[in-house]
Amino acid sequence: MEKISYYGRELCSYRSSLHTHCKTSDGQFTADEIIEKYSAEGYDVFAFTDHRKSNRVSDLDDRGMTLISGMEIHPQGPRGITWHFVGLGLPEDFTEPRGDDQACIDAVNALGGVMICAHPYWCGFTSAEIATLKGLAGIEVFNTSTRYIGRAYNMQVWDELNDAGILHPAVAVDDTHGSRDLFMGWTMVMTNEPLSQKAVIQAIKDGDFYATQGPKFTRLSYEDGVFEAEFTPCIEVIGLSNLSSGHLGMVENINGPASGIQEVTSCRFALNRNRPNSWFRLQVRDRNGRFAWTNPFFVK
């Protein structure tokens, strides 16, 4: 557990794995084995999201983590493509709902859970197709297990939705199936409530989280038209906004090829000159090539 100053609130921040598989479906590890691996790595929250199958997480030794009951759900989508949705906060005896994509989202939400759109680039879905869905709690911006075909990052689809005025928070996940997927993407979930499945799901509903591969945000602020952030050392700091607009904090060789790499730990952007009805999000990258992303918001 760590602390973050999050838009005027001091919150506890928990390292969370929100998309994983064990031998209940197509994972390499047993439930106990995968719990042991993530606990040893220092995770606070671990979600079981096996394909079309639930797990009795209350029967498992949590090894100090909060276990989340979930499922990866696969309704039929457009163009004959199957959706991959990650449902979280589900009853342990949950069965995959029947019906189309929207019916599945509605069923999860009706039970108090949340639904995440998983690896849309890997699936081949367009932003226009995702835009038809109502009630999603977020989208995966990074998915470790889809890196093997070059489709690990979903920033373009995400920003196309943002440009359309549909702002989804983003999570980073491992989508663990085997050893090669471990510990490369996670979500920092923030709450001051005692850590539990209920508290984690409520934080996700409230958008109190950020996605990362390693960099940490320690302070985020947006007041009087000014966005400020503090974070662990990064060599690339970009404020993204509508279409071709944005804000530069730092990039490699910022003053030409000889200027090299400079690390920064903070940024400040005046957003009051952004175009009307614009959105904003921060994206940072460290010297190891690892990203972190804040969730988008509408500029006031």
C-alpha atoms as a PDB file:
ATOM      1  CA  MET A   1       0.000   0.000   0.000  1.00  0.00           C
ATOM      2  CA  GLU A   2       1.183   3.487  -0.906  1.00  0.00           C
ATOM      3  CA  LYS A   3      -0.241   6.994  -0.666  1.00  0.00           C
ATOM      4  CA  ILE A   4      -1.245   9.371  -3.440  1.00  0.00           C
ATOM      5  CA  SER A   5      -2.589  12.914  -3.486  1.00  0.00           C
ATOM      6  CA  TYR A   6      -5.385  12.360  -5.971  1.00  0.00           C
ATOM      7  CA  TYR A   7      -7.176  15.514  -7.104  1.00  0.00           C
ATOM      8  CA  GLY A   8      -7.377  16.955  -3.616  1.00  0.00           C
ATOM      9  CA  ARG A   9      -7.827  13.692  -1.722  1.00  0.00           C
ATOM     10  CA  GLU A  10      -5.163  11.745   0.134  1.00  0.00           C
ATOM     11  CA  LEU A  11      -5.823   8.110  -0.762  1.00  0.00           C
ATOM     12  CA  CYS A  12      -4.268   4.725  -0.181  1.00  0.00           C
ATOM     13  CA  SER A  13      -3.121   3.108  -3.427  1.00  0.00           C
ATOM     14  CA  TYR A  14      -3.049  -0.655  -3.993  1.00  0.00           C
ATOM     15  CA  ARG A  15      -1.223  -2.645  -6.669  1.00  0.00           C
ATOM     16  CA  SER A  16      -3.883  -4.724  -8.399  1.00  0.00           C
ATOM     17  CA  SER A  17      -3.908  -7.533 -10.955  1.00  0.00           C
ATOM     18  CA  LEU A  18      -7.317  -7.385 -12.622  1.00  0.00           C
ATOM     19  CA  HIS A  19      -7.122  -9.939 -15.471  1.00  0.00           C
ATOM     20  CA  THR A  20      -5.643 -13.407 -14.915  1.00  0.00           C
ATOM     21  CA  HIS A  21      -6.240 -17.059 -15.721  1.00  0.00           C
ATOM     22  CA  CYS A  22      -5.461 -20.277 -13.884  1.00  0.00           C
ATOM     23  CA  LYS A  23      -6.095 -23.948 -14.632  1.00  0.00           C
ATOM     24  CA  THR A  24      -9.814 -23.354 -14.165  1.00  0.00           C
ATOM     25  CA  SER A  25      -9.683 -22.328 -17.836  1.00  0.00           C
ATOM     26  CA  ASP A  26      -6.525 -22.040 -19.959  1.00  0.00           C
ATOM     27  CA  GLY A  27      -3.885 -20.909 -17.463  1.00  0.00           C
ATOM     28  CA  GLN A  28      -0.608 -22.693 -16.729  1.00  0.00           C
ATOM     29  CA  PHE A  29      -0.844 -22.367 -12.930  1.00  0.00           C
ATOM     30  CA  THR A  30      -3.232 -23.678 -10.319  1.00  0.00           C
ATOM     31  CA  ALA A  31      -5.149 -21.097  -8.310  1.00  0.00           C
ATOM     32  CA  ASP A  32      -2.819 -21.575  -5.340  1.00  0.00           C
ATOM     33  CA  GLU A  33       0.295 -21.278  -7.507  1.00  0.00           C
ATOM     34  CA  ILE A  34      -0.748 -18.018  -9.131  1.00  0.00           C
ATOM     35  CA  ILE A  35      -1.774 -16.516  -5.787  1.00  0.00           C
ATOM     36  CA  GLU A  36       1.656 -17.379  -4.403  1.00  0.00           C
ATOM     37  CA  LYS A  37       3.432 -15.716  -7.338  1.00  0.00           C
ATOM     38  CA  TYR A  38       1.520 -12.428  -7.145  1.00  0.00           C
ATOM     39  CA  SER A  39       1.649 -12.294  -3.362  1.00  0.00           C
ATOM     40  CA  ALA A  40       5.426 -12.768  -3.416  1.00  0.00           C
ATOM     41  CA  GLU A  41       5.700  -9.903  -5.916  1.00  0.00           C
ATOM     42  CA  GLY A  42       3.934  -7.548  -3.508  1.00  0.00           C
ATOM     43  CA  TYR A  43       0.483  -7.253  -5.046  1.00  0.00           C
ATOM     44  CA  ASP A  44      -2.403  -6.165  -2.841  1.00  0.00           C
ATOM     45  CA  VAL A  45      -5.364  -7.188  -5.016  1.00  0.00           C
ATOM     46  CA  PHE A  46      -5.740 -10.193  -7.299  1.00  0.00           C
ATOM     47  CA  ALA A  47      -8.710 -10.982  -9.562  1.00  0.00           C
ATOM     48  CA  PHE A  48      -9.535 -14.401 -10.973  1.00  0.00           C
ATOM     49  CA  THR A  49     -11.049 -13.933 -14.437  1.00  0.00           C
ATOM     50  CA  ASP A  50     -11.090 -17.327 -16.100  1.00  0.00           C
ATOM     51  CA  HIS A  51     -12.806 -17.782 -19.443  1.00  0.00           C
ATOM     52  CA  ARG A  52     -16.505 -18.452 -18.920  1.00  0.00           C
ATOM     53  CA  LYS A  53     -15.820 -19.985 -15.493  1.00  0.00           C
ATOM     54  CA  SER A  54     -15.881 -18.630 -11.951  1.00  0.00           C
ATOM     55  CA  ASN A  55     -13.673 -19.553  -8.994  1.00  0.00           C
ATOM     56  CA  ARG A  56     -14.599 -19.991  -5.347  1.00  0.00           C
ATOM     57  CA  VAL A  57     -12.113 -17.403  -4.154  1.00  0.00           C
ATOM     58  CA  SER A  58     -13.400 -17.539  -0.568  1.00  0.00           C
ATOM     59  CA  ASP A  59     -12.059 -21.105  -0.308  1.00  0.00           C
ATOM     60  CA  LEU A  60      -8.521 -20.051  -1.302  1.00  0.00           C
ATOM     61  CA  ASP A  61      -5.598 -18.948   0.856  1.00  0.00           C
ATOM     62  CA  ASP A  62      -5.276 -15.287  -0.161  1.00  0.00           C
ATOM     63  CA  ARG A  63      -1.712 -14.956   1.215  1.00  0.00           C
ATOM     64  CA  GLY A  64      -2.408 -11.422   2.328  1.00  0.00           C
ATOM     65  CA  MET A  65      -4.090 -10.212  -0.860  1.00  0.00           C
ATOM     66  CA  THR A  66      -7.697  -9.231  -1.454  1.00  0.00           C
ATOM     67  CA  LEU A  67      -9.112 -11.733  -3.943  1.00  0.00           C
ATOM     68  CA  ILE A  68     -11.702 -10.618  -6.483  1.00  0.00           C
ATOM     69  CA  SER A  69     -14.246 -12.960  -8.025  1.00  0.00           C
ATOM     70  CA  GLY A  70     -14.511 -12.403 -11.769  1.00  0.00           C
ATOM     71  CA  MET A  71     -14.873 -13.958 -15.193  1.00  0.00           C
ATOM     72  CA  GLU A  72     -13.845 -13.284 -18.792  1.00  0.00           C
ATOM     73  CA  ILE A  73     -17.088 -13.210 -20.744  1.00  0.00           C
ATOM     74  CA  HIS A  74     -17.382 -13.800 -24.496  1.00  0.00           C
ATOM     75  CA  PRO A  75     -20.557 -12.660 -26.243  1.00  0.00           C
ATOM     76  CA  GLN A  76     -20.680 -12.464 -30.008  1.00  0.00           C
ATOM     77  CA  GLY A  77     -19.662  -9.106 -31.460  1.00  0.00           C
ATOM     78  CA  PRO A  78     -19.890  -7.380 -34.832  1.00  0.00           C
ATOM     79  CA  ARG A  79     -18.250  -8.814 -37.963  1.00  0.00           C
ATOM     80  CA  GLY A  80     -18.239 -12.272 -36.395  1.00  0.00           C
ATOM     81  CA  ILE A  81     -15.645 -11.263 -33.777  1.00  0.00           C
ATOM     82  CA  THR A  82     -16.047 -12.477 -30.204  1.00  0.00           C
ATOM     83  CA  TRP A  83     -15.871  -9.864 -27.454  1.00  0.00           C
ATOM     84  CA  HIS A  84     -13.535 -10.325 -24.522  1.00  0.00           C
ATOM     85  CA  PHE A  85     -15.056  -8.611 -21.475  1.00  0.00           C
ATOM     86  CA  VAL A  86     -13.608  -8.850 -17.977  1.00  0.00           C
ATOM     87  CA  GLY A  87     -16.331  -8.903 -15.338  1.00  0.00           C
ATOM     88  CA  LEU A  88     -15.212  -8.125 -11.777  1.00  0.00           C
ATOM     89  CA  GLY A  89     -16.970  -8.290  -8.423  1.00  0.00           C
ATOM     90  CA  LEU A  90     -19.206 -11.205  -9.363  1.00  0.00           C
ATOM     91  CA  PRO A  91     -20.848 -13.850  -7.176  1.00  0.00           C
ATOM     92  CA  GLU A  92     -18.685 -16.954  -6.846  1.00  0.00           C
ATOM     93  CA  ASP A  93     -21.409 -19.090  -8.440  1.00  0.00           C
ATOM     94  CA  PHE A  94     -21.822 -16.681 -11.360  1.00  0.00           C
ATOM     95  CA  THR A  95     -22.509 -18.276 -14.736  1.00  0.00           C
ATOM     96  CA  GLU A  96     -21.819 -16.599 -18.050  1.00  0.00           C
ATOM     97  CA  PRO A  97     -24.923 -14.676 -19.123  1.00  0.00           C
ATOM     98  CA  ARG A  98     -26.656 -15.414 -22.365  1.00  0.00           C
ATOM     99  CA  GLY A  99     -27.464 -12.727 -24.857  1.00  0.00           C
ATOM    100  CA  ASP A 100     -25.644 -10.107 -26.858  1.00  0.00           C
ATOM    101  CA  ASP A 101     -22.800  -7.833 -25.787  1.00  0.00           C
ATOM    102  CA  GLN A 102     -24.988  -5.201 -24.159  1.00  0.00           C
ATOM    103  CA  ALA A 103     -27.064  -7.808 -22.331  1.00  0.00           C
ATOM    104  CA  CYS A 104     -23.879  -9.243 -20.793  1.00  0.00           C
ATOM    105  CA  ILE A 105     -22.689  -5.823 -19.641  1.00  0.00           C
ATOM    106  CA  ASP A 106     -26.110  -5.092 -18.176  1.00  0.00           C
ATOM    107  CA  ALA A 107     -26.166  -8.439 -16.343  1.00  0.00           C
ATOM    108  CA  VAL A 108     -22.815  -7.790 -14.657  1.00  0.00           C
ATOM    109  CA  ASN A 109     -23.754  -4.238 -13.701  1.00  0.00           C
ATOM    110  CA  ALA A 110     -27.094  -5.407 -12.301  1.00  0.00           C
ATOM    111  CA  LEU A 111     -25.214  -7.631  -9.841  1.00  0.00           C
ATOM    112  CA  GLY A 112     -23.082  -4.732  -8.643  1.00  0.00           C
ATOM    113  CA  GLY A 113     -20.017  -5.726 -10.647  1.00  0.00           C
ATOM    114  CA  VAL A 114     -18.065  -3.866 -13.306  1.00  0.00           C
ATOM    115  CA  MET A 115     -17.176  -4.756 -16.887  1.00  0.00           C
ATOM    116  CA  ILE A 116     -13.897  -3.928 -18.635  1.00  0.00           C
ATOM    117  CA  CYS A 117     -13.342  -4.103 -22.392  1.00  0.00           C
ATOM    118  CA  ALA A 118     -10.298  -6.352 -22.806  1.00  0.00           C
ATOM    119  CA  HIS A 119      -7.538  -5.932 -25.434  1.00  0.00           C
ATOM    120  CA  PRO A 120      -9.666  -4.438 -28.247  1.00  0.00           C
ATOM    121  CA  TYR A 121      -6.669  -4.105 -30.615  1.00  0.00           C
ATOM    122  CA  TRP A 122      -5.870  -7.808 -30.232  1.00  0.00           C
ATOM    123  CA  CYS A 123      -9.524  -8.673 -30.887  1.00  0.00           C
ATOM    124  CA  GLY A 124      -9.723  -6.344 -33.882  1.00  0.00           C
ATOM    125  CA  PHE A 125     -12.530  -4.108 -32.644  1.00  0.00           C
ATOM    126  CA  THR A 126     -12.769  -0.499 -33.753  1.00  0.00           C
ATOM    127  CA  SER A 127     -13.506   2.465 -31.531  1.00  0.00           C
ATOM    128  CA  ALA A 128     -16.823   2.906 -33.341  1.00  0.00           C
ATOM    129  CA  GLU A 129     -17.844  -0.606 -32.321  1.00  0.00           C
ATOM    130  CA  ILE A 130     -16.827  -0.052 -28.698  1.00  0.00           C
ATOM    131  CA  ALA A 131     -18.723   3.251 -28.730  1.00  0.00           C
ATOM    132  CA  THR A 132     -22.011   1.373 -29.136  1.00  0.00           C
ATOM    133  CA  LEU A 133     -21.574  -0.255 -25.714  1.00  0.00           C
ATOM    134  CA  LYS A 134     -23.106   1.333 -22.621  1.00  0.00           C
ATOM    135  CA  GLY A 135     -22.049   0.759 -19.035  1.00  0.00           C
ATOM    136  CA  LEU A 136     -18.399  -0.196 -19.427  1.00  0.00           C
ATOM    137  CA  ALA A 137     -16.239   0.678 -16.416  1.00  0.00           C
ATOM    138  CA  GLY A 138     -13.042   0.885 -18.442  1.00  0.00           C
ATOM    139  CA  ILE A 139     -10.823  -0.315 -21.251  1.00  0.00           C
ATOM    140  CA  GLU A 140      -7.489  -2.113 -21.200  1.00  0.00           C
ATOM    141  CA  VAL A 141      -4.771   0.282 -22.361  1.00  0.00           C
ATOM    142  CA  PHE A 142      -2.056  -2.379 -21.971  1.00  0.00           C
ATOM    143  CA  ASN A 143      -2.294  -6.164 -21.934  1.00  0.00           C
ATOM    144  CA  THR A 144       0.881  -8.193 -21.411  1.00  0.00           C
ATOM    145  CA  SER A 145      -0.301 -11.404 -23.055  1.00  0.00           C
ATOM    146  CA  THR A 146      -1.111  -9.694 -26.368  1.00  0.00           C
ATOM    147  CA  ARG A 147       2.431  -8.363 -26.858  1.00  0.00           C
ATOM    148  CA  TYR A 148       3.494 -11.512 -28.694  1.00  0.00           C
ATOM    149  CA  ILE A 149       1.677 -10.414 -31.843  1.00  0.00           C
ATOM    150  CA  GLY A 150       2.475  -6.712 -31.420  1.00  0.00           C
ATOM    151  CA  ARG A 151      -0.939  -5.666 -30.089  1.00  0.00           C
ATOM    152  CA  ALA A 152      -0.249  -4.976 -26.428  1.00  0.00           C
ATOM    153  CA  TYR A 153      -1.143  -1.263 -26.462  1.00  0.00           C
ATOM    154  CA  ASN A 154      -4.594   0.191 -27.044  1.00  0.00           C
ATOM    155  CA  MET A 155      -3.907   3.939 -26.889  1.00  0.00           C
ATOM    156  CA  GLN A 156      -5.193   4.741 -30.374  1.00  0.00           C
ATOM    157  CA  VAL A 157      -8.564   3.050 -29.865  1.00  0.00           C
ATOM    158  CA  TRP A 158      -8.790   4.680 -26.429  1.00  0.00           C
ATOM    159  CA  ASP A 159      -8.088   8.161 -27.779  1.00  0.00           C
ATOM    160  CA  GLU A 160     -10.483   7.745 -30.677  1.00  0.00           C
ATOM    161  CA  LEU A 161     -13.179   7.142 -28.068  1.00  0.00           C
ATOM    162  CA  ASN A 162     -11.964  10.178 -26.120  1.00  0.00           C
ATOM    163  CA  ASP A 163     -12.146  12.296 -29.292  1.00  0.00           C
ATOM    164  CA  ALA A 164     -15.738  11.124 -29.722  1.00  0.00           C
ATOM    165  CA  GLY A 165     -16.539  12.389 -26.221  1.00  0.00           C
ATOM    166  CA  ILE A 166     -16.709   8.895 -24.697  1.00  0.00           C
ATOM    167  CA  LEU A 167     -14.231   8.955 -21.832  1.00  0.00           C
ATOM    168  CA  HIS A 168     -13.333   5.548 -20.453  1.00  0.00           C
ATOM    169  CA  PRO A 169     -10.847   5.020 -17.614  1.00  0.00           C
ATOM    170  CA  ALA A 170      -8.041   2.604 -18.449  1.00  0.00           C
ATOM    171  CA  VAL A 171      -6.480  -0.384 -16.731  1.00  0.00           C
ATOM    172  CA  ALA A 172      -3.211  -2.196 -17.411  1.00  0.00           C
ATOM    173  CA  VAL A 173      -3.194  -5.961 -16.964  1.00  0.00           C
ATOM    174  CA  ASP A 174      -1.099  -9.082 -17.397  1.00  0.00           C
ATOM    175  CA  ASP A 175      -3.902 -11.333 -18.664  1.00  0.00           C
ATOM    176  CA  THR A 176      -1.692 -14.032 -17.203  1.00  0.00           C
ATOM    177  CA  HIS A 177      -1.754 -17.445 -18.827  1.00  0.00           C
ATOM    178  CA  GLY A 178       1.835 -18.498 -18.091  1.00  0.00           C
ATOM    179  CA  SER A 179       5.227 -17.408 -16.808  1.00  0.00           C
ATOM    180  CA  ARG A 180       5.958 -15.069 -19.704  1.00  0.00           C
ATOM    181  CA  ASP A 181       2.959 -12.900 -18.767  1.00  0.00           C
ATOM    182  CA  LEU A 182       3.875 -12.150 -15.164  1.00  0.00           C
ATOM    183  CA  PHE A 183       4.150  -8.693 -13.558  1.00  0.00           C
ATOM    184  CA  MET A 184       4.304  -6.379 -16.595  1.00  0.00           C
ATOM    185  CA  GLY A 185       1.073  -4.395 -16.290  1.00  0.00           C
ATOM    186  CA  TRP A 186      -1.062  -3.521 -13.299  1.00  0.00           C
ATOM    187  CA  THR A 187      -3.601  -1.051 -11.975  1.00  0.00           C
ATOM    188  CA  MET A 188      -3.199   1.123  -8.900  1.00  0.00           C
ATOM    189  CA  VAL A 189      -6.615   1.165  -7.212  1.00  0.00           C
ATOM    190  CA  MET A 190      -7.227   3.911  -4.662  1.00  0.00           C
ATOM    191  CA  THR A 191      -9.473   3.821  -1.620  1.00  0.00           C
ATOM    192  CA  ASN A 192      -9.433   4.768   2.042  1.00  0.00           C
ATOM    193  CA  GLU A 193     -11.939   2.063   2.901  1.00  0.00           C
ATOM    194  CA  PRO A 194     -10.718  -1.197   4.474  1.00  0.00           C
ATOM    195  CA  LEU A 195      -9.493  -3.244   1.533  1.00  0.00           C
ATOM    196  CA  SER A 196     -12.157  -5.669   0.314  1.00  0.00           C
ATOM    197  CA  GLN A 197     -13.790  -6.745  -2.925  1.00  0.00           C
ATOM    198  CA  LYS A 198     -16.555  -4.233  -2.302  1.00  0.00           C
ATOM    199  CA  ALA A 199     -14.088  -1.369  -1.772  1.00  0.00           C
ATOM    200  CA  VAL A 200     -12.092  -2.270  -4.891  1.00  0.00           C
ATOM    201  CA  ILE A 201     -15.178  -2.476  -7.090  1.00  0.00           C
ATOM    202  CA  GLN A 202     -16.488   0.832  -5.761  1.00  0.00           C
ATOM    203  CA  ALA A 203     -13.140   2.502  -6.483  1.00  0.00           C
ATOM    204  CA  ILE A 204     -13.266   1.193 -10.045  1.00  0.00           C
ATOM    205  CA  LYS A 205     -16.815   2.494 -10.446  1.00  0.00           C
ATOM    206  CA  ASP A 206     -15.636   5.881  -9.171  1.00  0.00           C
ATOM    207  CA  GLY A 207     -12.650   5.959 -11.525  1.00  0.00           C
ATOM    208  CA  ASP A 208     -10.195   6.049  -8.633  1.00  0.00           C
ATOM    209  CA  PHE A 209      -7.329   4.163 -10.270  1.00  0.00           C
ATOM    210  CA  TYR A 210      -4.601   4.486 -12.861  1.00  0.00           C
ATOM    211  CA  ALA A 211      -2.825   2.066 -15.191  1.00  0.00           C
ATOM    212  CA  THR A 212       0.908   1.464 -15.140  1.00  0.00           C
ATOM    213  CA  GLN A 213       3.779  -0.748 -16.217  1.00  0.00           C
ATOM    214  CA  GLY A 214       6.062   0.675 -13.530  1.00  0.00           C
ATOM    215  CA  PRO A 215       6.030   4.479 -13.116  1.00  0.00           C
ATOM    216  CA  LYS A 216       4.112   5.735 -10.084  1.00  0.00           C
ATOM    217  CA  PHE A 217       2.080   8.893  -9.699  1.00  0.00           C
ATOM    218  CA  THR A 218       2.374  10.478  -6.263  1.00  0.00           C
ATOM    219  CA  ARG A 219       0.273  13.582  -6.895  1.00  0.00           C
ATOM    220  CA  LEU A 220      -2.361  14.563  -9.445  1.00  0.00           C
ATOM    221  CA  SER A 221      -4.119  17.921  -9.351  1.00  0.00           C
ATOM    222  CA  TYR A 222      -6.453  19.925 -11.575  1.00  0.00           C
ATOM    223  CA  GLU A 223      -7.468  23.319 -10.218  1.00  0.00           C
ATOM    224  CA  ASP A 224      -8.281  26.658 -11.840  1.00  0.00           C
ATOM    225  CA  GLY A 225      -7.521  25.317 -15.295  1.00  0.00           C
ATOM    226  CA  VAL A 226      -4.068  24.003 -14.355  1.00  0.00           C
ATOM    227  CA  PHE A 227      -3.075  20.330 -14.311  1.00  0.00           C
ATOM    228  CA  GLU A 228      -0.108  19.289 -12.180  1.00  0.00           C
ATOM    229  CA  ALA A 229       1.456  15.889 -11.584  1.00  0.00           C
ATOM    230  CA  GLU A 230       4.324  14.399  -9.610  1.00  0.00           C
ATOM    231  CA  PHE A 231       5.712  10.967 -10.392  1.00  0.00           C
ATOM    232  CA  THR A 232       8.760   8.730 -10.276  1.00  0.00           C
ATOM    233  CA  PRO A 233      11.546   9.699 -12.737  1.00  0.00           C
ATOM    234  CA  CYS A 234      10.450   9.582 -16.389  1.00  0.00           C
ATOM    235  CA  ILE A 235      12.057  10.572 -19.676  1.00  0.00           C
ATOM    236  CA  GLU A 236       8.828  11.160 -21.610  1.00  0.00           C
ATOM    237  CA  VAL A 237       5.930  13.238 -20.291  1.00  0.00           C
ATOM    238  CA  ILE A 238       3.051  14.049 -22.627  1.00  0.00           C
ATOM    239  CA  GLY A 239      -0.337  15.606 -21.961  1.00  0.00           C
ATOM    240  CA  LEU A 240      -2.726  14.288 -24.597  1.00  0.00           C
ATOM    241  CA  SER A 241      -5.886  16.034 -25.711  1.00  0.00           C
ATOM    242  CA  ASN A 242      -8.237  16.257 -28.678  1.00  0.00           C
ATOM    243  CA  LEU A 243      -6.978  15.321 -32.119  1.00  0.00           C
ATOM    244  CA  SER A 244      -3.628  16.999 -32.830  1.00  0.00           C
ATOM    245  CA  SER A 245      -3.535  19.147 -29.692  1.00  0.00           C
ATOM    246  CA  GLY A 246      -1.501  18.308 -26.604  1.00  0.00           C
ATOM    247  CA  HIS A 247       1.086  19.441 -24.082  1.00  0.00           C
ATOM    248  CA  LEU A 248       4.795  18.591 -24.036  1.00  0.00           C
ATOM    249  CA  GLY A 249       6.541  17.991 -20.741  1.00  0.00           C
ATOM    250  CA  MET A 250       9.596  16.021 -21.850  1.00  0.00           C
ATOM    251  CA  VAL A 251      10.787  13.750 -24.650  1.00  0.00           C
ATOM    252  CA  GLU A 252      14.138  12.210 -25.505  1.00  0.00           C
ATOM    253  CA  ASN A 253      16.492  14.561 -27.375  1.00  0.00           C
ATOM    254  CA  ILE A 254      14.146  17.453 -26.674  1.00  0.00           C
ATOM    255  CA  ASN A 255      16.763  19.954 -27.878  1.00  0.00           C
ATOM    256  CA  GLY A 256      18.153  17.860 -30.711  1.00  0.00           C
ATOM    257  CA  PRO A 257      20.152  14.633 -31.135  1.00  0.00           C
ATOM    258  CA  ALA A 258      22.957  15.705 -28.814  1.00  0.00           C
ATOM    259  CA  SER A 259      20.694  16.658 -25.896  1.00  0.00           C
ATOM    260  CA  GLY A 260      20.135  13.051 -24.859  1.00  0.00           C
ATOM    261  CA  ILE A 261      17.883  11.795 -22.098  1.00  0.00           C
ATOM    262  CA  GLN A 262      16.621  13.948 -19.253  1.00  0.00           C
ATOM    263  CA  GLU A 263      14.571  12.626 -16.353  1.00  0.00           C
ATOM    264  CA  VAL A 264      11.815  14.708 -14.783  1.00  0.00           C
ATOM    265  CA  THR A 265       9.540  14.046 -11.822  1.00  0.00           C
ATOM    266  CA  SER A 266       6.784  16.625 -12.298  1.00  0.00           C
ATOM    267  CA  CYS A 267       4.838  18.588 -14.886  1.00  0.00           C
ATOM    268  CA  ARG A 268       2.464  21.532 -15.033  1.00  0.00           C
ATOM    269  CA  PHE A 269       0.117  22.272 -17.924  1.00  0.00           C
ATOM    270  CA  ALA A 270      -2.292  25.205 -18.317  1.00  0.00           C
ATOM    271  CA  LEU A 271      -5.410  23.714 -19.881  1.00  0.00           C
ATOM    272  CA  ASN A 272      -7.519  26.862 -20.020  1.00  0.00           C
ATOM    273  CA  ARG A 273      -6.481  27.428 -23.631  1.00  0.00           C
ATOM    274  CA  ASN A 274      -7.624  24.005 -24.775  1.00  0.00           C
ATOM    275  CA  ARG A 275     -10.386  23.937 -27.322  1.00  0.00           C
ATOM    276  CA  PRO A 276     -13.957  23.901 -25.911  1.00  0.00           C
ATOM    277  CA  ASN A 277     -15.280  20.541 -24.708  1.00  0.00           C
ATOM    278  CA  SER A 278     -11.806  19.030 -24.860  1.00  0.00           C
ATOM    279  CA  TRP A 279     -10.453  16.139 -22.817  1.00  0.00           C
ATOM    280  CA  PHE A 280      -7.046  15.580 -21.229  1.00  0.00           C
ATOM    281  CA  ARG A 281      -4.934  12.685 -19.977  1.00  0.00           C
ATOM    282  CA  LEU A 282      -1.287  12.332 -18.940  1.00  0.00           C
ATOM    283  CA  GLN A 283       1.062   9.673 -20.280  1.00  0.00           C
ATOM    284  CA  VAL A 284       4.578   9.150 -18.913  1.00  0.00           C
ATOM    285  CA  ARG A 285       7.390   6.726 -19.786  1.00  0.00           C
ATOM    286  CA  ASP A 286      10.506   5.850 -17.806  1.00  0.00           C
ATOM    287  CA  ARG A 287      14.006   5.030 -19.087  1.00  0.00           C
ATOM    288  CA  ASN A 288      13.084   1.330 -19.161  1.00  0.00           C
ATOM    289  CA  GLY A 289      10.333   2.027 -21.685  1.00  0.00           C
ATOM    290  CA  ARG A 290       7.513   1.463 -19.202  1.00  0.00           C
ATOM    291  CA  PHE A 291       4.406   3.664 -19.369  1.00  0.00           C
ATOM    292  CA  ALA A 292       1.841   4.956 -16.891  1.00  0.00           C
ATOM    293  CA  TRP A 293      -1.445   6.609 -17.813  1.00  0.00           C
ATOM    294  CA  THR A 294      -3.898   8.824 -15.951  1.00  0.00           C
ATOM    295  CA  ASN A 295      -7.577   8.590 -16.727  1.00  0.00           C
ATOM    296  CA  PRO A 296      -9.022  11.209 -19.090  1.00  0.00           C
ATOM    297  CA  PHE A 297     -11.251  14.028 -17.909  1.00  0.00           C
ATOM    298  CA  PHE A 298     -13.143  16.844 -19.586  1.00  0.00           C
ATOM    299  CA  VAL A 299     -11.415  20.218 -19.342  1.00  0.00           C
ATOM    300  CA  LYS A 300     -13.574  22.727 -17.512  1.00  0.00           C
END
